[in-house]
Amino acid sequence: MARDYELGLIIKPDVGDDQARAIVDRVTQTVASNSGQVVRVNAWGRRRLAYPIEHHRDGLYFYFDLIMAPETVGELERTLHVNESVMRHLVKLPRQTARPTHRRPAAPARSRGRGTSGGTSRTGGRGRRSRRGSGGGTPRCGA
């Protein structure tokens, strides 16, 4: 049974265009050899990383939309993990297929006031303030 997947790939910035194209072709070849299909390749180009990875501040970003069998994910991840030019990769299910098809009914809203509990809660009906000390930022006179 084939499923939809998304693949995010970050390649080292010092890799040339030919080698980056070879990595993309290798991903396409791996998916196709396992009876999968590459729907779309979205090349974002060079982008700044959120944090340095292997002393690199930039990376070449590629996003793939794939249709493949779940067994192919392991083979694809092994292929990407072996390649030293790939800094990071992530294979995930797209959002619309990851959600369950049925929903449980929502629980009724609970009242947050003291009127329904009658002051018999664990805190003695005083809310959270009683656990924090004096309960306010200004001291009271005569208390």
N, C-alpha and C. Protein backbone atom coordinates (compact mmCIF):
# COMPACT_ATOMS: atom_id res chain seq x y z
N MET A 1 0.84 -1.18 0.00
CA MET A 1 0.00 0.00 0.00
C MET A 1 0.89 1.25 0.00
N ALA A 2 0.78 2.06 -0.98
CA ALA A 2 1.58 3.28 -1.10
C ALA A 2 0.92 4.41 -0.32
N ARG A 3 1.77 5.26 0.28
CA ARG A 3 1.29 6.40 1.05
C ARG A 3 2.01 7.65 0.59
N ASP A 4 1.44 8.80 0.92
CA ASP A 4 2.08 10.08 0.63
C ASP A 4 3.08 10.39 1.73
N TYR A 5 4.24 10.91 1.34
CA TYR A 5 5.28 11.32 2.29
C TYR A 5 5.85 12.65 1.84
N GLU A 6 6.43 13.36 2.79
CA GLU A 6 7.21 14.56 2.50
C GLU A 6 8.62 14.32 2.99
N LEU A 7 9.59 14.77 2.21
CA LEU A 7 11.00 14.63 2.57
C LEU A 7 11.63 16.01 2.54
N GLY A 8 12.22 16.41 3.64
CA GLY A 8 13.00 17.64 3.72
C GLY A 8 14.47 17.28 3.78
N LEU A 9 15.28 17.97 3.00
CA LEU A 9 16.68 17.61 2.85
C LEU A 9 17.52 18.88 2.92
N ILE A 10 18.58 18.88 3.73
CA ILE A 10 19.52 19.99 3.79
C ILE A 10 20.89 19.45 3.40
N ILE A 11 21.46 20.02 2.36
CA ILE A 11 22.75 19.60 1.82
C ILE A 11 23.79 20.65 2.17
N LYS A 12 25.02 20.23 2.38
CA LYS A 12 26.11 21.15 2.72
C LYS A 12 26.24 22.23 1.65
N PRO A 13 26.53 23.48 2.06
CA PRO A 13 26.56 24.58 1.09
C PRO A 13 27.77 24.55 0.16
N ASP A 14 28.85 23.87 0.55
CA ASP A 14 30.04 23.86 -0.30
C ASP A 14 29.95 22.81 -1.41
N VAL A 15 28.83 22.11 -1.49
CA VAL A 15 28.61 21.14 -2.55
C VAL A 15 28.23 21.90 -3.82
N GLY A 16 28.75 21.48 -4.94
CA GLY A 16 28.43 22.14 -6.20
C GLY A 16 27.04 21.78 -6.69
N ASP A 17 26.57 22.51 -7.70
CA ASP A 17 25.24 22.26 -8.26
C ASP A 17 25.14 20.86 -8.86
N ASP A 18 26.22 20.39 -9.48
CA ASP A 18 26.18 19.06 -10.09
C ASP A 18 26.03 17.97 -9.03
N GLN A 19 26.75 18.13 -7.93
CA GLN A 19 26.66 17.12 -6.87
C GLN A 19 25.30 17.20 -6.15
N ALA A 20 24.75 18.40 -5.98
CA ALA A 20 23.42 18.53 -5.39
C ALA A 20 22.37 17.88 -6.30
N ARG A 21 22.51 18.08 -7.61
CA ARG A 21 21.60 17.44 -8.56
C ARG A 21 21.75 15.93 -8.51
N ALA A 22 22.98 15.43 -8.28
CA ALA A 22 23.21 13.99 -8.19
C ALA A 22 22.52 13.41 -6.95
N ILE A 23 22.51 14.17 -5.85
CA ILE A 23 21.82 13.70 -4.64
C ILE A 23 20.32 13.64 -4.87
N VAL A 24 19.78 14.66 -5.54
CA VAL A 24 18.34 14.67 -5.85
C VAL A 24 18.01 13.50 -6.78
N ASP A 25 18.88 13.23 -7.76
CA ASP A 25 18.65 12.11 -8.67
C ASP A 25 18.75 10.78 -7.92
N ARG A 26 19.64 10.70 -6.95
CA ARG A 26 19.78 9.47 -6.15
C ARG A 26 18.51 9.22 -5.33
N VAL A 27 17.92 10.26 -4.77
CA VAL A 27 16.66 10.12 -4.03
C VAL A 27 15.56 9.65 -4.99
N THR A 28 15.48 10.29 -6.15
CA THR A 28 14.48 9.91 -7.15
C THR A 28 14.67 8.46 -7.59
N GLN A 29 15.91 8.05 -7.79
CA GLN A 29 16.22 6.68 -8.21
C GLN A 29 15.85 5.68 -7.12
N THR A 30 16.14 6.01 -5.86
CA THR A 30 15.82 5.10 -4.75
C THR A 30 14.32 4.91 -4.62
N VAL A 31 13.57 6.00 -4.74
CA VAL A 31 12.11 5.91 -4.65
C VAL A 31 11.55 5.12 -5.83
N ALA A 32 12.04 5.40 -7.04
CA ALA A 32 11.52 4.73 -8.24
C ALA A 32 11.88 3.24 -8.25
N SER A 33 13.06 2.88 -7.76
CA SER A 33 13.45 1.47 -7.76
C SER A 33 12.64 0.64 -6.77
N ASN A 34 12.01 1.29 -5.81
CA ASN A 34 11.14 0.59 -4.85
C ASN A 34 9.66 0.83 -5.17
N SER A 35 9.36 0.98 -6.44
CA SER A 35 8.00 1.17 -6.97
C SER A 35 7.28 2.36 -6.35
N GLY A 36 8.01 3.44 -6.14
CA GLY A 36 7.43 4.68 -5.65
C GLY A 36 7.42 5.73 -6.74
N GLN A 37 6.96 6.92 -6.37
CA GLN A 37 6.86 8.00 -7.35
C GLN A 37 7.23 9.32 -6.68
N VAL A 38 8.03 10.13 -7.36
CA VAL A 38 8.34 11.48 -6.90
C VAL A 38 7.33 12.41 -7.57
N VAL A 39 6.47 13.02 -6.78
CA VAL A 39 5.43 13.89 -7.31
C VAL A 39 6.00 15.26 -7.64
N ARG A 40 6.80 15.80 -6.71
CA ARG A 40 7.32 17.16 -6.90
C ARG A 40 8.63 17.32 -6.14
N VAL A 41 9.56 18.06 -6.73
CA VAL A 41 10.80 18.45 -6.07
C VAL A 41 10.80 19.96 -5.99
N ASN A 42 10.88 20.49 -4.79
CA ASN A 42 10.87 21.93 -4.57
C ASN A 42 12.24 22.33 -4.05
N ALA A 43 13.04 23.00 -4.89
CA ALA A 43 14.38 23.44 -4.52
C ALA A 43 14.29 24.85 -3.95
N TRP A 44 14.52 24.99 -2.65
CA TRP A 44 14.48 26.30 -2.01
C TRP A 44 15.79 27.05 -2.18
N GLY A 45 16.85 26.34 -2.46
CA GLY A 45 18.14 26.99 -2.64
C GLY A 45 18.87 27.18 -1.31
N ARG A 46 19.83 28.10 -1.30
CA ARG A 46 20.64 28.35 -0.12
C ARG A 46 19.87 29.18 0.90
N ARG A 47 19.81 28.68 2.13
CA ARG A 47 19.11 29.36 3.22
C ARG A 47 19.99 29.35 4.47
N ARG A 48 19.78 30.32 5.32
CA ARG A 48 20.48 30.41 6.60
C ARG A 48 19.89 29.38 7.56
N LEU A 49 20.76 28.65 8.26
CA LEU A 49 20.31 27.66 9.24
C LEU A 49 19.96 28.36 10.55
N ALA A 50 19.10 27.76 11.33
CA ALA A 50 18.73 28.32 12.63
C ALA A 50 19.89 28.24 13.61
N TYR A 51 20.75 27.23 13.46
CA TYR A 51 21.92 27.05 14.31
C TYR A 51 22.99 26.36 13.45
N PRO A 52 24.25 26.52 13.80
CA PRO A 52 25.31 25.90 12.99
C PRO A 52 25.24 24.37 13.05
N ILE A 53 25.41 23.74 11.90
CA ILE A 53 25.49 22.29 11.80
C ILE A 53 26.81 21.97 11.13
N GLU A 54 27.67 21.23 11.84
CA GLU A 54 28.98 20.86 11.32
C GLU A 54 29.76 22.08 10.86
N HIS A 55 29.70 23.15 11.60
CA HIS A 55 30.38 24.42 11.34
C HIS A 55 29.89 25.13 10.08
N HIS A 56 28.70 24.81 9.62
CA HIS A 56 28.10 25.49 8.46
C HIS A 56 26.95 26.36 8.95
N ARG A 57 26.85 27.56 8.42
CA ARG A 57 25.77 28.48 8.76
C ARG A 57 24.65 28.47 7.72
N ASP A 58 24.93 27.96 6.50
CA ASP A 58 23.96 27.91 5.42
C ASP A 58 23.78 26.47 4.97
N GLY A 59 22.73 26.23 4.22
CA GLY A 59 22.49 24.91 3.66
C GLY A 59 21.64 25.02 2.41
N LEU A 60 21.69 24.01 1.56
CA LEU A 60 20.85 23.93 0.37
C LEU A 60 19.62 23.10 0.71
N TYR A 61 18.46 23.71 0.61
CA TYR A 61 17.21 23.08 1.02
C TYR A 61 16.48 22.49 -0.18
N PHE A 62 16.00 21.26 -0.02
CA PHE A 62 15.17 20.59 -1.02
C PHE A 62 14.00 19.93 -0.31
N TYR A 63 12.81 20.05 -0.89
CA TYR A 63 11.62 19.39 -0.37
C TYR A 63 11.02 18.52 -1.46
N PHE A 64 10.65 17.29 -1.09
CA PHE A 64 10.09 16.32 -2.02
C PHE A 64 8.69 15.94 -1.56
N ASP A 65 7.78 15.77 -2.49
CA ASP A 65 6.50 15.11 -2.25
C ASP A 65 6.60 13.75 -2.91
N LEU A 66 6.41 12.69 -2.11
CA LEU A 66 6.65 11.33 -2.57
C LEU A 66 5.42 10.47 -2.36
N ILE A 67 5.26 9.47 -3.20
CA ILE A 67 4.28 8.40 -2.99
C ILE A 67 5.09 7.11 -3.02
N MET A 68 5.10 6.40 -1.88
CA MET A 68 5.89 5.18 -1.80
C MET A 68 5.35 4.28 -0.70
N ALA A 69 5.82 3.05 -0.70
CA ALA A 69 5.43 2.08 0.32
C ALA A 69 6.17 2.40 1.62
N PRO A 70 5.59 2.08 2.76
CA PRO A 70 6.27 2.36 4.03
C PRO A 70 7.62 1.66 4.17
N GLU A 71 7.80 0.53 3.51
CA GLU A 71 9.09 -0.17 3.58
C GLU A 71 10.20 0.62 2.89
N THR A 72 9.85 1.49 1.96
CA THR A 72 10.83 2.28 1.22
C THR A 72 11.45 3.37 2.09
N VAL A 73 10.75 3.78 3.15
CA VAL A 73 11.25 4.86 4.00
C VAL A 73 12.59 4.48 4.62
N GLY A 74 12.71 3.26 5.10
CA GLY A 74 13.97 2.80 5.70
C GLY A 74 15.10 2.80 4.70
N GLU A 75 14.83 2.32 3.49
CA GLU A 75 15.85 2.31 2.44
C GLU A 75 16.28 3.72 2.06
N LEU A 76 15.32 4.63 1.97
CA LEU A 76 15.62 6.02 1.63
C LEU A 76 16.44 6.68 2.73
N GLU A 77 16.09 6.45 3.98
CA GLU A 77 16.84 7.04 5.08
C GLU A 77 18.26 6.47 5.16
N ARG A 78 18.44 5.18 4.87
CA ARG A 78 19.79 4.61 4.83
C ARG A 78 20.62 5.27 3.74
N THR A 79 20.02 5.49 2.58
CA THR A 79 20.73 6.14 1.48
C THR A 79 21.17 7.55 1.85
N LEU A 80 20.30 8.30 2.51
CA LEU A 80 20.63 9.67 2.88
C LEU A 80 21.63 9.73 4.04
N HIS A 81 21.54 8.78 4.95
CA HIS A 81 22.43 8.78 6.10
C HIS A 81 23.88 8.47 5.70
N VAL A 82 24.06 7.66 4.67
CA VAL A 82 25.40 7.29 4.21
C VAL A 82 26.09 8.44 3.49
N ASN A 83 25.31 9.28 2.82
CA ASN A 83 25.87 10.38 2.03
C ASN A 83 26.38 11.48 2.97
N GLU A 84 27.66 11.81 2.88
CA GLU A 84 28.26 12.80 3.78
C GLU A 84 27.89 14.23 3.42
N SER A 85 27.37 14.46 2.23
CA SER A 85 26.97 15.80 1.82
C SER A 85 25.62 16.20 2.39
N VAL A 86 24.85 15.24 2.89
CA VAL A 86 23.54 15.52 3.48
C VAL A 86 23.73 15.83 4.96
N MET A 87 23.37 17.06 5.36
CA MET A 87 23.51 17.44 6.77
C MET A 87 22.33 16.95 7.60
N ARG A 88 21.11 17.16 7.11
CA ARG A 88 19.90 16.75 7.81
C ARG A 88 18.86 16.28 6.80
N HIS A 89 18.01 15.36 7.25
CA HIS A 89 16.87 14.95 6.44
C HIS A 89 15.74 14.54 7.38
N LEU A 90 14.51 14.68 6.87
CA LEU A 90 13.33 14.30 7.64
C LEU A 90 12.27 13.79 6.68
N VAL A 91 11.81 12.57 6.93
CA VAL A 91 10.71 11.99 6.17
C VAL A 91 9.50 11.98 7.09
N LYS A 92 8.39 12.52 6.61
CA LYS A 92 7.18 12.56 7.44
C LYS A 92 5.95 12.42 6.58
N LEU A 93 4.85 12.09 7.24
CA LEU A 93 3.56 12.05 6.57
C LEU A 93 3.03 13.46 6.45
N PRO A 94 2.38 13.81 5.35
CA PRO A 94 1.79 15.14 5.27
C PRO A 94 0.66 15.28 6.29
N ARG A 95 0.33 16.51 6.62
CA ARG A 95 -0.64 16.79 7.68
C ARG A 95 -2.00 16.16 7.42
N GLN A 96 -2.52 16.23 6.21
CA GLN A 96 -3.88 15.75 5.98
C GLN A 96 -3.99 14.23 6.11
N THR A 97 -2.93 13.46 5.89
CA THR A 97 -3.02 12.01 6.06
C THR A 97 -2.63 11.58 7.47
N ALA A 98 -2.03 12.47 8.25
CA ALA A 98 -1.61 12.10 9.59
C ALA A 98 -2.75 12.24 10.60
N ARG A 99 -3.79 12.99 10.27
CA ARG A 99 -4.91 13.19 11.19
C ARG A 99 -5.83 11.97 11.21
N PRO A 100 -6.40 11.66 12.36
CA PRO A 100 -7.37 10.57 12.38
C PRO A 100 -8.64 10.97 11.63
N THR A 101 -9.35 9.98 11.08
CA THR A 101 -10.53 10.28 10.29
C THR A 101 -11.76 10.50 11.15
N HIS A 102 -11.75 10.05 12.40
CA HIS A 102 -12.90 10.25 13.28
C HIS A 102 -12.49 11.13 14.46
N ARG A 103 -13.45 11.80 15.00
CA ARG A 103 -13.19 12.68 16.15
C ARG A 103 -14.10 12.29 17.29
N ARG A 104 -13.58 12.40 18.49
CA ARG A 104 -14.40 12.18 19.66
C ARG A 104 -15.21 13.44 19.93
N PRO A 105 -16.41 13.29 20.48
CA PRO A 105 -17.19 14.49 20.81
C PRO A 105 -16.48 15.31 21.88
N ALA A 106 -16.61 16.60 21.77
CA ALA A 106 -15.96 17.51 22.71
C ALA A 106 -16.59 17.38 24.09
N ALA A 107 -15.77 17.48 25.12
CA ALA A 107 -16.26 17.41 26.50
C ALA A 107 -16.99 18.71 26.82
N PRO A 108 -18.01 18.66 27.65
CA PRO A 108 -18.70 19.89 28.01
C PRO A 108 -17.78 20.84 28.76
N ALA A 109 -18.00 22.13 28.58
CA ALA A 109 -17.16 23.14 29.22
C ALA A 109 -17.38 23.11 30.73
N ARG A 110 -16.28 23.23 31.46
CA ARG A 110 -16.37 23.22 32.92
C ARG A 110 -16.29 24.65 33.43
N SER A 111 -17.03 24.90 34.48
CA SER A 111 -17.04 26.22 35.09
C SER A 111 -15.78 26.43 35.90
N ARG A 112 -15.18 27.60 35.82
CA ARG A 112 -13.96 27.89 36.55
C ARG A 112 -14.24 28.63 37.85
N GLY A 113 -15.49 28.98 38.08
CA GLY A 113 -15.82 29.75 39.28
C GLY A 113 -15.93 28.87 40.51
N ARG A 114 -16.09 29.52 41.69
CA ARG A 114 -16.20 28.79 42.94
C ARG A 114 -17.63 28.39 43.24
N GLY A 115 -18.59 28.87 42.47
CA GLY A 115 -19.99 28.67 42.78
C GLY A 115 -20.40 27.21 42.77
N THR A 116 -19.84 26.37 41.91
CA THR A 116 -20.30 25.00 41.81
C THR A 116 -19.60 24.07 42.78
N SER A 117 -18.38 24.39 43.21
CA SER A 117 -17.66 23.46 44.07
C SER A 117 -17.99 23.67 45.54
N GLY A 118 -18.49 24.80 45.92
CA GLY A 118 -18.85 25.05 47.31
C GLY A 118 -17.66 25.21 48.22
N GLY A 119 -16.50 25.45 47.65
CA GLY A 119 -15.32 25.67 48.48
C GLY A 119 -14.73 24.39 49.04
N THR A 120 -15.00 23.25 48.44
CA THR A 120 -14.48 21.99 48.94
C THR A 120 -13.32 21.46 48.12
N SER A 121 -12.67 22.33 47.38
CA SER A 121 -11.54 21.87 46.58
C SER A 121 -10.32 21.66 47.46
N ARG A 122 -9.26 21.16 46.87
CA ARG A 122 -8.03 20.89 47.60
C ARG A 122 -7.42 22.14 48.20
N THR A 123 -7.61 23.27 47.57
CA THR A 123 -7.00 24.50 48.04
C THR A 123 -7.88 25.24 49.03
N GLY A 124 -8.98 24.66 49.41
CA GLY A 124 -9.85 25.31 50.38
C GLY A 124 -10.67 26.43 49.77
N GLY A 125 -10.88 26.41 48.48
CA GLY A 125 -11.70 27.41 47.83
C GLY A 125 -11.01 28.73 47.58
N ARG A 126 -9.70 28.79 47.80
CA ARG A 126 -8.99 30.05 47.61
C ARG A 126 -8.23 30.11 46.30
N GLY A 127 -8.33 29.12 45.46
CA GLY A 127 -7.65 29.16 44.17
C GLY A 127 -6.17 28.87 44.31
N ARG A 128 -5.40 29.27 43.35
CA ARG A 128 -3.96 28.98 43.32
C ARG A 128 -3.17 29.90 44.23
N ARG A 129 -3.73 31.03 44.61
CA ARG A 129 -2.99 32.02 45.36
C ARG A 129 -2.53 31.49 46.72
N SER A 130 -3.31 30.59 47.31
CA SER A 130 -2.97 30.13 48.65
C SER A 130 -1.69 29.32 48.68
N ARG A 131 -1.24 28.77 47.58
CA ARG A 131 -0.02 27.99 47.56
C ARG A 131 1.21 28.84 47.34
N ARG A 132 1.08 30.07 47.00
CA ARG A 132 2.23 30.90 46.64
C ARG A 132 2.66 31.85 47.74
N GLY A 133 2.15 31.76 48.88
CA GLY A 133 2.57 32.67 49.94
C GLY A 133 1.51 33.70 50.23
N SER A 134 1.89 34.99 50.23
CA SER A 134 0.97 36.05 50.62
C SER A 134 -0.12 36.28 49.59
N GLY A 135 0.08 35.91 48.34
CA GLY A 135 -0.97 36.04 47.35
C GLY A 135 -0.94 37.31 46.57
N GLY A 136 -0.08 38.21 46.85
CA GLY A 136 -0.06 39.45 46.09
C GLY A 136 1.29 40.10 46.18
N GLY A 137 1.48 41.13 45.41
CA GLY A 137 2.77 41.81 45.39
C GLY A 137 2.87 42.86 46.48
N THR A 138 1.77 43.34 47.02
CA THR A 138 1.82 44.38 48.04
C THR A 138 1.41 43.80 49.40
N PRO A 139 2.14 44.12 50.45
CA PRO A 139 1.79 43.59 51.78
C PRO A 139 0.53 44.26 52.31
N ARG A 140 -0.20 43.53 53.12
CA ARG A 140 -1.41 44.06 53.73
C ARG A 140 -1.08 44.62 55.10
N CYS A 141 -1.82 45.64 55.48
CA CYS A 141 -1.61 46.24 56.79
C CYS A 141 -2.38 45.45 57.85
N GLY A 142 -1.74 45.13 58.95
CA GLY A 142 -2.39 44.48 60.06
C GLY A 142 -2.67 43.01 59.85
N ALA A 143 -2.12 42.41 58.84
CA ALA A 143 -2.44 41.00 58.60
C ALA A 143 -1.36 40.10 59.09
